[in-house]
C-alpha atoms as a PDB file:
ATOM      1  CA  UNK A   1      43.197  25.758  23.431  1.00  0.00           C
ATOM      2  CA  UNK A   2      43.423  22.082  22.519  1.00  0.00           C
ATOM      3  CA  UNK A   3      41.345  20.680  19.740  1.00  0.00           C
ATOM      4  CA  UNK A   4      41.722  17.064  20.895  1.00  0.00           C
ATOM      5  CA  UNK A   5      38.667  14.796  20.634  1.00  0.00           C
ATOM      6  CA  UNK A   6      37.539  11.786  22.557  1.00  0.00           C
ATOM      7  CA  UNK A   7      37.965   8.508  20.626  1.00  0.00           C
ATOM      8  CA  UNK A   8      36.141   5.354  21.589  1.00  0.00           C
ATOM      9  CA  UNK A   9      38.334   2.395  22.663  1.00  0.00           C
ATOM     10  CA  UNK A  10      35.484   0.128  23.650  1.00  0.00           C
ATOM     11  CA  UNK A  11      31.707  -0.007  23.607  1.00  0.00           C
ATOM     12  CA  UNK A  12      30.916   1.132  27.185  1.00  0.00           C
ATOM     13  CA  UNK A  13      27.755   3.107  27.864  1.00  0.00           C
ATOM     14  CA  UNK A  14      29.017   4.620  31.090  1.00  0.00           C
ATOM     15  CA  UNK A  15      30.315   8.214  30.983  1.00  0.00           C
ATOM     16  CA  UNK A  16      33.551   8.699  29.216  1.00  0.00           C
ATOM     17  CA  UNK A  17      34.848   5.287  30.233  1.00  0.00           C
ATOM     18  CA  UNK A  18      36.285   3.573  27.198  1.00  0.00           C
ATOM     19  CA  UNK A  19      37.271   6.830  25.547  1.00  0.00           C
ATOM     20  CA  UNK A  20      40.731   8.303  25.205  1.00  0.00           C
ATOM     21  CA  UNK A  21      41.727  11.706  24.159  1.00  0.00           C
ATOM     22  CA  UNK A  22      43.187  11.798  20.657  1.00  0.00           C
ATOM     23  CA  UNK A  23      45.161  14.747  19.276  1.00  0.00           C
ATOM     24  CA  UNK A  24      43.735  16.728  16.512  1.00  0.00           C
ATOM     25  CA  UNK A  25      43.342  14.737  13.383  1.00  0.00           C
ATOM     26  CA  UNK A  26      40.819  13.033  11.118  1.00  0.00           C
ATOM     27  CA  UNK A  27      38.025  10.926  12.709  1.00  0.00           C
ATOM     28  CA  UNK A  28      36.955   7.633  11.131  1.00  0.00           C
ATOM     29  CA  UNK A  29      34.130   9.434   9.370  1.00  0.00           C
ATOM     30  CA  UNK A  30      36.421  12.225   8.176  1.00  0.00           C
ATOM     31  CA  UNK A  31      39.009   9.749   6.909  1.00  0.00           C
ATOM     32  CA  UNK A  32      36.290   8.272   4.569  1.00  0.00           C
ATOM     33  CA  UNK A  33      36.313  11.611   2.801  1.00  0.00           C
ATOM     34  CA  UNK A  34      39.825  11.055   1.549  1.00  0.00           C
ATOM     35  CA  UNK A  35      38.790   8.041  -0.585  1.00  0.00           C
ATOM     36  CA  UNK A  36      37.908   8.445  -4.260  1.00  0.00           C
ATOM     37  CA  UNK A  37      34.202   8.147  -4.965  1.00  0.00           C
ATOM     38  CA  UNK A  38      34.319   4.454  -5.850  1.00  0.00           C
ATOM     39  CA  UNK A  39      36.381   3.525  -2.814  1.00  0.00           C
ATOM     40  CA  UNK A  40      34.358   5.796  -0.580  1.00  0.00           C
ATOM     41  CA  UNK A  41      31.111   3.913  -1.215  1.00  0.00           C
ATOM     42  CA  UNK A  42      32.773   0.605  -0.466  1.00  0.00           C
ATOM     43  CA  UNK A  43      34.443   1.969   2.667  1.00  0.00           C
ATOM     44  CA  UNK A  44      31.111   3.283   3.905  1.00  0.00           C
ATOM     45  CA  UNK A  45      29.392  -0.038   3.255  1.00  0.00           C
ATOM     46  CA  UNK A  46      32.256  -1.931   4.983  1.00  0.00           C
ATOM     47  CA  UNK A  47      32.125   0.491   7.980  1.00  0.00           C
ATOM     48  CA  UNK A  48      28.256   0.145   8.132  1.00  0.00           C
ATOM     49  CA  UNK A  49      28.523  -3.626   8.004  1.00  0.00           C
ATOM     50  CA  UNK A  50      30.988  -3.776  10.862  1.00  0.00           C
ATOM     51  CA  UNK A  51      28.962  -1.333  12.974  1.00  0.00           C
ATOM     52  CA  UNK A  52      25.675  -3.094  12.154  1.00  0.00           C
ATOM     53  CA  UNK A  53      27.069  -6.496  13.183  1.00  0.00           C
ATOM     54  CA  UNK A  54      28.266  -4.929  16.456  1.00  0.00           C
ATOM     55  CA  UNK A  55      24.932  -3.232  17.120  1.00  0.00           C
ATOM     56  CA  UNK A  56      22.915  -6.357  16.492  1.00  0.00           C
ATOM     57  CA  UNK A  57      25.190  -8.310  18.862  1.00  0.00           C
ATOM     58  CA  UNK A  58      24.891  -5.630  21.524  1.00  0.00           C
ATOM     59  CA  UNK A  59      21.149  -5.382  21.040  1.00  0.00           C
ATOM     60  CA  UNK A  60      20.692  -8.847  22.427  1.00  0.00           C
ATOM     61  CA  UNK A  61      21.747  -7.518  25.893  1.00  0.00           C
ATOM     62  CA  UNK A  62      19.721  -4.247  25.633  1.00  0.00           C
ATOM     63  CA  UNK A  63      16.274  -4.297  27.116  1.00  0.00           C
ATOM     64  CA  UNK A  64      14.811  -2.027  24.404  1.00  0.00           C
ATOM     65  CA  UNK A  65      15.639  -0.284  21.115  1.00  0.00           C
ATOM     66  CA  UNK A  66      15.510   2.950  23.110  1.00  0.00           C
ATOM     67  CA  UNK A  67      18.640   1.875  24.929  1.00  0.00           C
ATOM     68  CA  UNK A  68      20.356   1.280  21.591  1.00  0.00           C
ATOM     69  CA  UNK A  69      20.104   5.028  20.946  1.00  0.00           C
ATOM     70  CA  UNK A  70      23.002   5.527  23.378  1.00  0.00           C
ATOM     71  CA  UNK A  71      25.145   2.650  22.047  1.00  0.00           C
ATOM     72  CA  UNK A  72      28.285   3.917  20.239  1.00  0.00           C
ATOM     73  CA  UNK A  73      27.784   1.807  17.137  1.00  0.00           C
ATOM     74  CA  UNK A  74      24.219   3.217  16.687  1.00  0.00           C
ATOM     75  CA  UNK A  75      25.564   6.764  16.846  1.00  0.00           C
ATOM     76  CA  UNK A  76      28.331   5.902  14.380  1.00  0.00           C
ATOM     77  CA  UNK A  77      25.799   4.481  11.945  1.00  0.00           C
ATOM     78  CA  UNK A  78      23.851   7.735  12.187  1.00  0.00           C
ATOM     79  CA  UNK A  79      27.046   9.705  11.516  1.00  0.00           C
ATOM     80  CA  UNK A  80      27.394   7.814   8.178  1.00  0.00           C
ATOM     81  CA  UNK A  81      24.254   9.612   7.101  1.00  0.00           C
ATOM     82  CA  UNK A  82      21.556   8.746   4.636  1.00  0.00           C
ATOM     83  CA  UNK A  83      23.968   7.023   2.237  1.00  0.00           C
ATOM     84  CA  UNK A  84      23.532   3.910   4.400  1.00  0.00           C
ATOM     85  CA  UNK A  85      19.752   3.817   4.106  1.00  0.00           C
ATOM     86  CA  UNK A  86      19.907   1.031   1.474  1.00  0.00           C
ATOM     87  CA  UNK A  87      22.044  -1.064   3.734  1.00  0.00           C
ATOM     88  CA  UNK A  88      19.750  -0.444   6.753  1.00  0.00           C
ATOM     89  CA  UNK A  89      16.746  -1.479   4.696  1.00  0.00           C
ATOM     90  CA  UNK A  90      18.556  -4.644   3.679  1.00  0.00           C
ATOM     91  CA  UNK A  91      19.278  -5.401   7.359  1.00  0.00           C
ATOM     92  CA  UNK A  92      15.580  -4.716   8.062  1.00  0.00           C
ATOM     93  CA  UNK A  93      14.754  -7.310   5.374  1.00  0.00           C
ATOM     94  CA  UNK A  94      17.024 -10.051   6.649  1.00  0.00           C
ATOM     95  CA  UNK A  95      17.469  -9.412  10.342  1.00  0.00           C
ATOM     96  CA  UNK A  96      15.552 -10.959  13.138  1.00  0.00           C
ATOM     97  CA  UNK A  97      15.804  -7.704  15.044  1.00  0.00           C
ATOM     98  CA  UNK A  98      13.452  -5.609  12.962  1.00  0.00           C
ATOM     99  CA  UNK A  99      12.570  -3.167  15.723  1.00  0.00           C
ATOM    100  CA  UNK A 100      16.227  -2.075  15.924  1.00  0.00           C
ATOM    101  CA  UNK A 101      16.505  -1.309  12.187  1.00  0.00           C
ATOM    102  CA  UNK A 102      13.128   0.471  12.202  1.00  0.00           C
ATOM    103  CA  UNK A 103      14.550   2.646  15.004  1.00  0.00           C
ATOM    104  CA  UNK A 104      17.693   3.373  12.960  1.00  0.00           C
ATOM    105  CA  UNK A 105      15.603   4.251   9.876  1.00  0.00           C
ATOM    106  CA  UNK A 106      13.239   6.439  11.907  1.00  0.00           C
ATOM    107  CA  UNK A 107      16.246   8.311  13.311  1.00  0.00           C
ATOM    108  CA  UNK A 108      18.069   8.625   9.986  1.00  0.00           C
ATOM    109  CA  UNK A 109      15.113   9.954   8.020  1.00  0.00           C
ATOM    110  CA  UNK A 110      12.104  12.135   8.643  1.00  0.00           C
ATOM    111  CA  UNK A 111      10.200  10.056   6.063  1.00  0.00           C
ATOM    112  CA  UNK A 112       8.107   7.384   7.817  1.00  0.00           C
ATOM    113  CA  UNK A 113       6.752   4.868   5.267  1.00  0.00           C
ATOM    114  CA  UNK A 114       5.925   2.459   8.051  1.00  0.00           C
ATOM    115  CA  UNK A 115       4.105   5.023  10.287  1.00  0.00           C
ATOM    116  CA  UNK A 116       0.609   3.996  11.211  1.00  0.00           C
ATOM    117  CA  UNK A 117       1.141   0.267  10.533  1.00  0.00           C
ATOM    118  CA  UNK A 118      -0.259  -1.975  13.230  1.00  0.00           C
ATOM    119  CA  UNK A 119       2.639  -4.409  13.449  1.00  0.00           C
ATOM    120  CA  UNK A 120       6.418  -4.439  13.262  1.00  0.00           C
ATOM    121  CA  UNK A 121       6.306  -6.715  10.210  1.00  0.00           C
ATOM    122  CA  UNK A 122       3.843  -4.454   8.420  1.00  0.00           C
ATOM    123  CA  UNK A 123       6.061  -1.332   9.162  1.00  0.00           C
ATOM    124  CA  UNK A 124       9.114  -3.270   7.961  1.00  0.00           C
ATOM    125  CA  UNK A 125       7.364  -4.331   4.816  1.00  0.00           C
ATOM    126  CA  UNK A 126       6.341  -0.712   4.127  1.00  0.00           C
ATOM    127  CA  UNK A 127       9.987   0.380   4.449  1.00  0.00           C
ATOM    128  CA  UNK A 128      11.141  -2.391   2.209  1.00  0.00           C
ATOM    129  CA  UNK A 129       8.622  -1.514  -0.495  1.00  0.00           C
ATOM    130  CA  UNK A 130       9.639   2.154  -0.243  1.00  0.00           C
ATOM    131  CA  UNK A 131      13.309   1.074  -0.549  1.00  0.00           C
ATOM    132  CA  UNK A 132      12.603  -0.846  -3.804  1.00  0.00           C
ATOM    133  CA  UNK A 133      10.737   2.181  -5.216  1.00  0.00           C
ATOM    134  CA  UNK A 134      13.487   4.641  -4.222  1.00  0.00           C
ATOM    135  CA  UNK A 135      16.331   2.664  -5.802  1.00  0.00           C
END
């Protein structure tokens, strides 16, 4: 039985288009595990930054943040885990696409500091305050 995996070659949302089969080996996420602790943090931040830029660019063409859930960069950000929460909160603070980053945070964590807020800005501000307290 083959243990090959599908590896993305583009950012298509349609079926397996844009994916190629890769022989058994380390994924991008698994390859981060080979770094020493200092380098691993920098590698994760760099990977997040690249994916975040890509996701923000793609979100312009998406009709809702719900569609972003299927976008490959969104999924890859989630695969990075909760170690990127500080970077996501920073994006929430500076980005014009706050709903996108609220969606990422809501998917990454079960903790909803912005739940119940009446506006996107109020929810974002609650997350930012929580991020300052948590750090």
